[in-house]
C-alpha cells in the first residue's frame, strides 16, 4: 500500500495532469485484463491447497497443476486480448482522446499475463499458510514496481512506467519459483490430469466472481474515461486511496480466513464464536479507518497530489461506505469460497454487475466522476447483504447437522 501510494503520487507529479489522466485510464483497462487473465485459477488453487491441509503431497500437486494451468491460460489470453485490443483500439479513445494508448495497451496486456502467473503463486502461498514467503514476494513486487516505475518515468514517461512494472513482475516470478519450484513434465498421467480438472472446474465457478470484482474495482474508471475526458485522474486519486486502504482488512482476511477452510465437527461451535469476533473486530477497524480517512485525507490529498486534485476529496467521501462494505464482504466471500459456495457468490455478483452498470450509464453522463462514485457505493449494498445472509445460513446448517 505504501509503495503503491509513493508511485501513484510520483506519477501524478512527474507525468502531469494530462498524461496522468491517460495513465489511469490505461491502468483501469489493465486491472480489467488482470481479472480476466486470472480466470479464477489463482483462487481455485488456493482453496484446493488449503482444503488439503493434512496432505502435503496433495497440496504440492495442486500447486504445480495450478501454476502450470495459469501459465497456459495466460499465454492464450495474452494472444487473444492483444488481437482484440489492437483491432478495437479506436473504440477505446485512440488516438483522439488518448494518443499513446496503442503502445501502452500492448505492453499492459503483457504485464497482465505476467501478473496473473505471480498472483497464482502468491495465492498458493496463502493456501500453504506460508506468509513469510508471501510477504517476501509481495515486497519484491511492489518495491520493484515503485523503484523501476519511477526510473521508467524519468526515461520514457508512461512507456517507461509500464516497462518498470513488467521488469518488477518478472523478477518477482523468478524469486517465487526459486522459493517453491515446479517440475516440468512432458507427459502427464491420469492422476495429474485429475488435479488440473479439479482446479479448472472450480475456477470456472469463480470466474463470474472475478468479473464482478473487476466491475466493482475498475469498470467505473473505465466507463468514466470513455464517457468523460479529463475526470479520470480526479476520480482515480480518490478511488486509489480507497482501494489501497482496503489492503488492511484484506491482509487480516488473508491470514485469518484460510484457517476456516476446513472445519471439523467437534470444533464448529467454537469456530463460529471466533468467526463472529473476527467480523466484529474487522467492522470496528473499518469504522476507525473511515474516520481517519475523513479527517486526514482532505489535508494530505492536496499536499501529496497537488491543487488540481482538490475535487477528489468529495469523491472520496462518497466512496467511504463502499470501503466499509468492501472490507466486510471480503471475509464473507472468502469464507463461502472455501466452502464451495461459488454459486451463491456468482448470483450475488451478477446482481451487483447489473446494478453497477445500469447506475454508471445513468449517472456518469449527468454527474461525471461524482456519478461513478455513487454507482460504486450503491451497487455494493445488495451484494453485501446477500453474502452476509448466505454466510449466516451456512453456519446455521453446519450447527443443525451436528444437532447443537
Protein backbone atom coordinates (compact mmCIF):
# COMPACT_ATOMS: atom_id res chain seq x y z
CA UNK A 1 0.00 0.00 0.00
CA UNK A 2 2.79 2.42 0.90
CA UNK A 3 4.73 1.56 -2.24
CA UNK A 4 1.63 2.00 -4.38
CA UNK A 5 0.89 5.43 -2.94
CA UNK A 6 4.50 6.51 -3.36
CA UNK A 7 4.46 5.52 -7.02
CA UNK A 8 0.99 6.97 -7.60
CA UNK A 9 1.96 10.34 -6.12
CA UNK A 10 5.23 10.34 -8.10
CA UNK A 11 3.27 9.51 -11.28
CA UNK A 12 0.80 12.36 -10.71
CA UNK A 13 3.60 14.83 -10.07
CA UNK A 14 6.03 13.73 -12.78
CA UNK A 15 3.62 12.89 -15.61
CA UNK A 16 1.45 15.98 -15.23
CA UNK A 17 -2.36 16.25 -15.30
CA UNK A 18 -2.91 15.15 -18.94
CA UNK A 19 -0.57 12.13 -19.02
CA UNK A 20 -1.68 11.04 -15.53
CA UNK A 21 -5.28 11.09 -16.74
CA UNK A 22 -4.32 8.87 -19.69
CA UNK A 23 -2.28 6.57 -17.44
CA UNK A 24 -5.21 5.98 -15.08
CA UNK A 25 -7.50 5.18 -18.00
CA UNK A 26 -4.92 2.66 -19.22
CA UNK A 27 -4.45 1.27 -15.72
CA UNK A 28 -8.20 0.66 -15.36
CA UNK A 29 -8.05 -1.41 -18.57
CA UNK A 30 -5.01 -3.28 -17.23
CA UNK A 31 -6.83 -4.14 -13.98
CA UNK A 32 -9.76 -5.48 -16.02
CA UNK A 33 -7.29 -7.60 -18.02
CA UNK A 34 -5.72 -8.80 -14.74
CA UNK A 35 -9.05 -10.21 -13.55
CA UNK A 36 -9.73 -11.85 -16.91
CA UNK A 37 -6.23 -13.37 -17.07
CA UNK A 38 -6.50 -14.81 -13.58
CA UNK A 39 -9.62 -16.69 -14.74
CA UNK A 40 -10.40 -17.79 -11.19
CA UNK A 41 -7.45 -20.22 -11.29
CA UNK A 42 -5.48 -18.48 -8.54
CA UNK A 43 -8.41 -18.57 -6.09
CA UNK A 44 -9.28 -22.17 -7.04
CA UNK A 45 -5.67 -23.22 -6.48
CA UNK A 46 -5.59 -21.53 -3.06
CA UNK A 47 -8.85 -23.17 -1.99
CA UNK A 48 -7.78 -26.68 -3.04
CA UNK A 49 -4.39 -26.32 -1.36
CA UNK A 50 -6.00 -25.05 1.86
CA UNK A 51 -8.58 -27.86 1.87
CA UNK A 52 -5.78 -30.45 1.56
CA UNK A 53 -4.04 -29.12 4.67
CA UNK A 54 -3.48 -32.64 6.09
CA UNK A 55 -1.82 -33.97 2.90
CA UNK A 56 1.38 -32.14 1.89
CA UNK A 57 1.89 -34.30 -1.20
CA UNK A 58 -1.59 -33.46 -2.44
CA UNK A 59 -1.01 -29.76 -1.75
CA UNK A 60 2.15 -29.79 -3.88
CA UNK A 61 0.32 -31.46 -6.76
CA UNK A 62 -2.45 -28.85 -6.65
CA UNK A 63 0.22 -26.13 -6.62
CA UNK A 64 2.07 -27.47 -9.65
CA UNK A 65 -1.15 -28.10 -11.58
CA UNK A 66 -2.50 -24.64 -10.75
CA UNK A 67 0.62 -22.71 -11.73
CA UNK A 68 1.10 -24.66 -14.98
CA UNK A 69 -2.56 -24.19 -15.85
CA UNK A 70 -2.30 -20.47 -15.14
CA UNK A 71 0.75 -20.15 -17.40
CA UNK A 72 -1.07 -21.85 -20.30
CA UNK A 73 -4.25 -19.80 -19.83
CA UNK A 74 -2.27 -16.56 -19.51
CA UNK A 75 -0.33 -17.18 -22.74
CA UNK A 76 -3.54 -17.97 -24.62
CA UNK A 77 -5.36 -14.89 -23.25
CA UNK A 78 -2.40 -12.60 -23.97
CA UNK A 79 -2.64 -13.55 -27.65
CA UNK A 80 -6.43 -13.17 -27.73
CA UNK A 81 -6.53 -9.85 -25.88
CA UNK A 82 -3.68 -8.38 -27.95
CA UNK A 83 -5.59 -9.16 -31.15
CA UNK A 84 -8.93 -7.90 -29.81
CA UNK A 85 -7.50 -4.72 -28.28
CA UNK A 86 -5.46 -3.71 -31.31
CA UNK A 87 -8.44 -4.26 -33.61
CA UNK A 88 -10.80 -2.30 -31.37
CA UNK A 89 -8.36 0.36 -30.13
CA UNK A 90 -10.32 3.19 -31.77
CA UNK A 91 -13.36 2.39 -29.60
CA UNK A 92 -11.22 2.99 -26.50
CA UNK A 93 -10.45 6.60 -27.45
CA UNK A 94 -7.29 6.18 -29.55
CA UNK A 95 -5.87 8.44 -30.92
CA UNK A 96 -8.24 11.38 -30.31
CA UNK A 97 -8.57 11.18 -26.51
CA UNK A 98 -5.54 9.06 -25.67
CA UNK A 99 -2.75 9.33 -28.29
CA UNK A 100 -0.34 6.87 -26.58
CA UNK A 101 -2.91 4.18 -25.85
CA UNK A 102 -2.00 1.67 -28.60
CA UNK A 103 1.57 1.04 -27.48
CA UNK A 104 0.75 1.31 -23.79
CA UNK A 105 -2.06 -1.22 -24.05
CA UNK A 106 0.16 -3.67 -25.94
CA UNK A 107 2.65 -3.60 -23.04
CA UNK A 108 -0.13 -3.52 -20.45
CA UNK A 109 -1.61 -6.83 -21.63
CA UNK A 110 1.81 -8.49 -21.38
CA UNK A 111 2.05 -7.16 -17.83
CA UNK A 112 -1.41 -8.58 -17.03
CA UNK A 113 -0.38 -12.05 -18.22
CA UNK A 114 2.72 -12.00 -16.01
CA UNK A 115 0.70 -10.60 -13.10
CA UNK A 116 -1.78 -13.50 -13.28
CA UNK A 117 1.06 -16.03 -13.00
CA UNK A 118 2.52 -14.25 -9.99
CA UNK A 119 -0.96 -13.96 -8.46
CA UNK A 120 -1.46 -17.73 -8.73
CA UNK A 121 1.84 -18.36 -6.94
CA UNK A 122 1.02 -15.83 -4.21
CA UNK A 123 -2.47 -17.26 -3.67
CA UNK A 124 -0.87 -20.70 -3.38
CA UNK A 125 1.38 -19.37 -0.61
CA UNK A 126 -1.81 -18.35 1.23
CA UNK A 127 -3.17 -21.88 0.83
CA UNK A 128 0.07 -23.29 2.24
CA UNK A 129 -0.18 -20.74 5.12
CA UNK A 130 3.29 -19.61 4.07
CA UNK A 131 3.01 -15.92 4.90
CA UNK A 132 6.74 -15.25 5.18
CA UNK A 133 7.17 -16.23 1.55
CA UNK A 134 4.09 -14.22 0.61
CA UNK A 135 5.50 -11.17 2.36
CA UNK A 136 8.89 -11.57 0.68
CA UNK A 137 7.48 -11.92 -2.83
CA UNK A 138 4.92 -9.12 -2.38
CA UNK A 139 7.63 -6.81 -1.04
CA UNK A 140 9.84 -7.56 -4.03
CA UNK A 141 6.92 -6.98 -6.38
CA UNK A 142 5.86 -3.59 -5.02
CA UNK A 143 9.30 -2.26 -4.17
CA UNK A 144 10.36 -3.27 -7.68
CA UNK A 145 7.33 -1.58 -9.27
CA UNK A 146 7.98 1.62 -7.30
CA UNK A 147 11.73 1.75 -7.98
CA UNK A 148 11.63 0.64 -11.62
CA UNK A 149 8.47 2.65 -12.29
CA UNK A 150 9.97 5.96 -11.14
CA UNK A 151 13.15 5.31 -13.12
CA UNK A 152 10.98 4.45 -16.12
CA UNK A 153 9.02 7.72 -15.85
CA UNK A 154 12.24 9.74 -15.99
CA UNK A 155 13.43 7.75 -19.02
CA UNK A 156 10.27 7.31 -21.11
CA UNK A 157 7.26 8.76 -19.23
CA UNK A 158 4.21 6.43 -19.43
CA UNK A 159 6.03 3.82 -21.53
CA UNK A 160 8.84 3.70 -19.00
CA UNK A 161 6.33 3.29 -16.18
CA UNK A 162 4.63 0.21 -17.67
CA UNK A 163 8.01 -1.30 -18.61
CA UNK A 164 9.08 -0.81 -14.98
CA UNK A 165 6.01 -2.77 -13.88
CA UNK A 166 6.86 -5.61 -16.28
CA UNK A 167 10.50 -5.85 -15.13
CA UNK A 168 9.44 -5.92 -11.45
CA UNK A 169 6.86 -8.67 -12.05
CA UNK A 170 9.34 -10.85 -13.96
CA UNK A 171 11.86 -10.57 -11.12
CA UNK A 172 9.17 -11.42 -8.52
CA UNK A 173 8.14 -14.52 -10.52
CA UNK A 174 11.76 -15.71 -10.71
CA UNK A 175 12.14 -15.34 -6.93
CA UNK A 176 8.80 -17.10 -6.32
CA UNK A 177 9.71 -20.11 -8.45
CA UNK A 178 13.04 -20.37 -6.66
CA UNK A 179 11.24 -20.47 -3.32
CA UNK A 180 8.76 -23.12 -4.48
CA UNK A 181 9.78 -24.65 -7.83
CA UNK A 182 7.51 -26.55 -10.21
CA UNK A 183 8.58 -29.67 -12.13
CA UNK A 184 8.44 -29.66 -15.89
CA UNK A 185 6.86 -32.91 -17.15
CA UNK A 186 6.35 -33.78 -20.81
CA UNK A 187 3.78 -36.48 -20.13
CA UNK A 188 1.02 -36.37 -17.54
CA UNK A 189 -0.72 -39.45 -16.17
CA UNK A 190 -4.42 -39.69 -15.27
CA UNK A 191 -3.74 -38.69 -11.66
CA UNK A 192 -2.05 -35.45 -12.77
CA UNK A 193 -4.97 -34.64 -15.04
CA UNK A 194 -7.36 -35.09 -12.11
CA UNK A 195 -5.74 -32.13 -10.32
CA UNK A 196 -5.96 -29.97 -13.45
CA UNK A 197 -9.65 -30.82 -13.85
CA UNK A 198 -10.49 -30.07 -10.22
CA UNK A 199 -8.81 -26.67 -10.34
CA UNK A 200 -10.27 -25.57 -13.68
CA UNK A 201 -13.76 -26.83 -12.74
CA UNK A 202 -13.95 -24.67 -9.62
CA UNK A 203 -12.12 -21.82 -11.38
CA UNK A 204 -14.97 -21.61 -13.89
CA UNK A 205 -17.38 -21.20 -10.98
CA UNK A 206 -15.26 -18.36 -9.60
CA UNK A 207 -14.86 -16.67 -12.99
CA UNK A 208 -18.12 -14.75 -12.60
CA UNK A 209 -16.90 -13.53 -9.21
CA UNK A 210 -13.72 -12.30 -10.88
CA UNK A 211 -15.79 -10.43 -13.43
CA UNK A 212 -17.82 -8.93 -10.60
CA UNK A 213 -14.63 -7.85 -8.84
CA UNK A 214 -13.39 -6.05 -11.94
CA UNK A 215 -16.78 -4.35 -12.31
CA UNK A 216 -16.62 -3.10 -8.73
CA UNK A 217 -12.97 -2.07 -8.84
CA UNK A 218 -12.37 -0.69 -12.33
CA UNK A 219 -15.40 -0.66 -14.60
CA UNK A 220 -16.44 2.73 -13.24
CA UNK A 221 -13.00 4.22 -14.01
CA UNK A 222 -13.04 2.66 -17.48
CA UNK A 223 -16.54 3.94 -18.28
CA UNK A 224 -15.72 7.37 -16.88
CA UNK A 225 -12.62 7.56 -19.07
CA UNK A 226 -14.66 6.54 -22.11
CA UNK A 227 -17.53 8.97 -21.47
CA UNK A 228 -15.88 11.98 -19.81
CA UNK A 229 -12.36 13.01 -20.74
CA UNK A 230 -10.40 14.88 -18.07
CA UNK A 231 -12.13 13.40 -14.99
CA UNK A 232 -10.40 10.00 -14.88
CA UNK A 233 -7.37 11.25 -12.95
CA UNK A 234 -9.52 13.15 -10.43
CA UNK A 235 -11.68 10.08 -9.81
CA UNK A 236 -8.71 7.70 -9.79
CA UNK A 237 -6.94 9.59 -6.99
CA UNK A 238 -9.91 9.09 -4.63
CA UNK A 239 -10.56 5.53 -5.84
CA UNK A 240 -6.89 4.56 -5.44
CA UNK A 241 -6.84 5.79 -1.85
CA UNK A 242 -9.98 3.81 -1.02
CA UNK A 243 -8.94 0.64 -2.88
CA UNK A 244 -5.49 0.59 -1.29
CA UNK A 245 -6.92 1.29 2.16
CA UNK A 246 -8.80 -2.00 1.74
CA UNK A 247 -5.41 -3.74 1.87
CA UNK A 248 -5.61 -3.50 5.66
CA UNK A 249 -8.81 -5.57 6.11
CA UNK A 250 -7.77 -7.77 3.16
CA UNK A 251 -4.47 -8.57 4.89
CA UNK A 252 -6.38 -9.65 8.01
CA UNK A 253 -8.79 -11.65 5.84
CA UNK A 254 -5.94 -13.41 4.02
CA UNK A 255 -4.27 -14.50 7.24
CA UNK A 256 -7.36 -15.47 9.23
CA UNK A 257 -9.87 -16.91 6.77
CA UNK A 258 -7.61 -19.67 5.43
CA UNK A 259 -7.95 -21.28 8.86
CA UNK A 260 -11.69 -21.65 8.24
CA UNK A 261 -11.14 -23.68 5.05
CA UNK A 262 -11.58 -26.93 6.99
CA UNK A 263 -13.96 -27.00 9.99
CA UNK A 264 -14.23 -30.30 11.84
CA UNK A 265 -17.47 -31.38 13.51
CA UNK A 266 -16.09 -31.17 17.04
CA UNK A 267 -14.99 -27.54 16.65
CA UNK A 268 -17.92 -25.97 14.75
CA UNK A 269 -19.42 -24.10 17.71
CA UNK A 270 -16.07 -22.68 18.86
CA UNK A 271 -15.14 -21.69 15.29
CA UNK A 272 -18.46 -19.88 14.87
CA UNK A 273 -17.78 -17.82 18.01
CA UNK A 274 -14.31 -16.83 16.82
CA UNK A 275 -15.74 -16.02 13.36
CA UNK A 276 -18.24 -13.60 14.92
CA UNK A 277 -15.46 -11.95 16.93
CA UNK A 278 -13.34 -11.62 13.81
CA UNK A 279 -16.14 -9.94 11.86
CA UNK A 280 -16.92 -7.60 14.78
CA UNK A 281 -13.29 -6.54 15.21
CA UNK A 282 -12.96 -6.05 11.47
CA UNK A 283 -16.08 -3.85 11.37
CA UNK A 284 -14.78 -1.68 14.22
CA UNK A 285 -11.43 -1.39 12.44
CA UNK A 286 -13.18 -0.33 9.22
CA UNK A 287 -15.09 2.39 11.10
CA UNK A 288 -11.87 3.67 12.69
CA UNK A 289 -10.11 3.73 9.31
CA UNK A 290 -13.10 5.54 7.78
CA UNK A 291 -12.92 8.28 10.41
CA UNK A 292 -9.16 8.59 9.83
CA UNK A 293 -9.73 8.92 6.08
CA UNK A 294 -12.40 11.59 6.58
CA UNK A 295 -10.17 13.61 8.92
CA UNK A 296 -6.73 13.18 7.35
CA UNK A 297 -7.23 12.86 3.60
CA UNK A 298 -8.63 16.36 2.88
CA UNK A 299 -5.39 17.82 4.25
CA UNK A 300 -2.98 15.26 2.84
CA UNK A 301 -4.53 14.73 -0.60
CA UNK A 302 -3.90 18.22 -1.97
CA UNK A 303 -0.46 18.29 -0.36
CA UNK A 304 0.54 14.96 -1.92
CA UNK A 305 -1.08 15.21 -5.35
CA UNK A 306 -1.41 18.97 -5.90
CA UNK A 307 -4.18 21.59 -6.10
CA UNK A 308 -5.51 20.14 -9.37
CA UNK A 309 -6.94 17.16 -7.46
CA UNK A 310 -8.91 19.06 -4.80
CA UNK A 311 -12.15 17.83 -6.42
CA UNK A 312 -11.11 14.27 -5.44
CA UNK A 313 -11.98 14.98 -1.78
CA UNK A 314 -15.74 15.00 -2.39
CA UNK A 315 -15.49 11.75 -4.38
CA UNK A 316 -13.57 10.13 -1.54
CA UNK A 317 -16.34 10.98 0.94
CA UNK A 318 -18.92 9.26 -1.29
CA UNK A 319 -16.69 6.16 -1.52
CA UNK A 320 -16.30 5.74 2.27
CA UNK A 321 -19.43 3.47 2.59
CA UNK A 322 -18.09 1.47 -0.39
CA UNK A 323 -14.84 1.00 1.55
CA UNK A 324 -16.67 -0.35 4.63
CA UNK A 325 -18.88 -2.70 2.60
CA UNK A 326 -15.96 -3.97 0.51
CA UNK A 327 -13.91 -4.67 3.63
CA UNK A 328 -16.79 -6.64 5.16
CA UNK A 329 -17.67 -8.67 2.06
CA UNK A 330 -14.06 -9.82 1.65
CA UNK A 331 -14.48 -12.00 4.76
CA UNK A 332 -17.87 -13.41 3.79
CA UNK A 333 -16.98 -14.13 0.15
CA UNK A 334 -13.69 -15.79 1.16
CA UNK A 335 -15.46 -17.95 3.73
CA UNK A 336 -18.12 -19.01 1.22
CA UNK A 337 -15.46 -19.75 -1.41
CA UNK A 338 -13.56 -22.07 0.93
CA UNK A 339 -16.79 -23.99 1.50
CA UNK A 340 -17.52 -24.40 -2.23
CA UNK A 341 -20.39 -21.90 -2.34
CA UNK A 342 -19.26 -20.26 -5.56
CA UNK A 343 -22.82 -20.45 -6.90
CA UNK A 344 -24.09 -18.13 -4.17
CA UNK A 345 -21.27 -15.66 -4.79
CA UNK A 346 -21.97 -15.81 -8.52
CA UNK A 347 -25.66 -14.92 -8.12
CA UNK A 348 -24.83 -12.01 -5.82
CA UNK A 349 -22.14 -10.87 -8.24
CA UNK A 350 -24.43 -10.95 -11.28
CA UNK A 351 -26.94 -8.76 -9.46
CA UNK A 352 -24.18 -6.35 -8.43
CA UNK A 353 -22.82 -6.18 -12.01
CA UNK A 354 -26.24 -5.32 -13.43
CA UNK A 355 -26.83 -2.68 -10.76
CA UNK A 356 -23.39 -1.13 -11.20
CA UNK A 357 -23.52 -0.96 -15.00
CA UNK A 358 -27.05 0.47 -15.01
CA UNK A 359 -26.13 3.16 -12.48
CA UNK A 360 -22.93 4.02 -14.38
CA UNK A 361 -24.84 4.50 -17.63
CA UNK A 362 -27.39 6.71 -15.86
CA UNK A 363 -25.15 8.74 -13.53
CA UNK A 364 -21.82 9.21 -15.36
CA UNK A 365 -23.20 11.26 -18.31
CA UNK A 366 -25.04 13.55 -15.86
CA UNK A 367 -22.61 13.82 -12.93
CA UNK A 368 -19.26 12.53 -14.24
CA UNK A 369 -16.87 11.35 -11.52
CA UNK A 370 -19.43 12.02 -8.76
CA UNK A 371 -21.90 9.73 -10.56
CA UNK A 372 -19.30 6.96 -10.88
CA UNK A 373 -18.63 7.16 -7.13
CA UNK A 374 -22.34 6.86 -6.26
CA UNK A 375 -22.72 3.93 -8.66
CA UNK A 376 -19.89 2.02 -6.96
CA UNK A 377 -21.21 2.65 -3.45
CA UNK A 378 -24.87 1.85 -4.11
CA UNK A 379 -24.14 -1.37 -6.05
CA UNK A 380 -22.15 -2.80 -3.12
CA UNK A 381 -25.08 -2.72 -0.69
CA UNK A 382 -27.26 -5.58 -2.09
CA UNK A 383 -24.11 -7.65 -2.76
CA UNK A 384 -23.03 -7.32 0.87
CA UNK A 385 -26.49 -8.20 2.22
CA UNK A 386 -26.69 -11.40 0.13
CA UNK A 387 -23.25 -12.59 1.26
CA UNK A 388 -23.94 -11.84 4.93
CA UNK A 389 -27.26 -13.71 4.83
CA UNK A 390 -25.69 -16.68 2.94
CA UNK A 391 -22.88 -16.95 5.49
CA UNK A 392 -25.41 -16.93 8.34
CA UNK A 393 -27.35 -19.77 6.66
CA UNK A 394 -24.17 -21.79 6.12
CA UNK A 395 -23.23 -21.61 9.80
CA UNK A 396 -26.78 -22.44 10.85
CA UNK A 397 -26.85 -25.52 8.62
CA UNK A 398 -23.48 -26.71 9.94
CA UNK A 399 -24.71 -26.43 13.53
CA UNK A 400 -28.01 -28.13 12.65
CA UNK A 401 -26.07 -31.07 11.12
CA UNK A 402 -24.40 -31.88 14.43
CA UNK A 403 -27.56 -31.28 16.46
CA UNK A 404 -26.25 -28.34 18.52
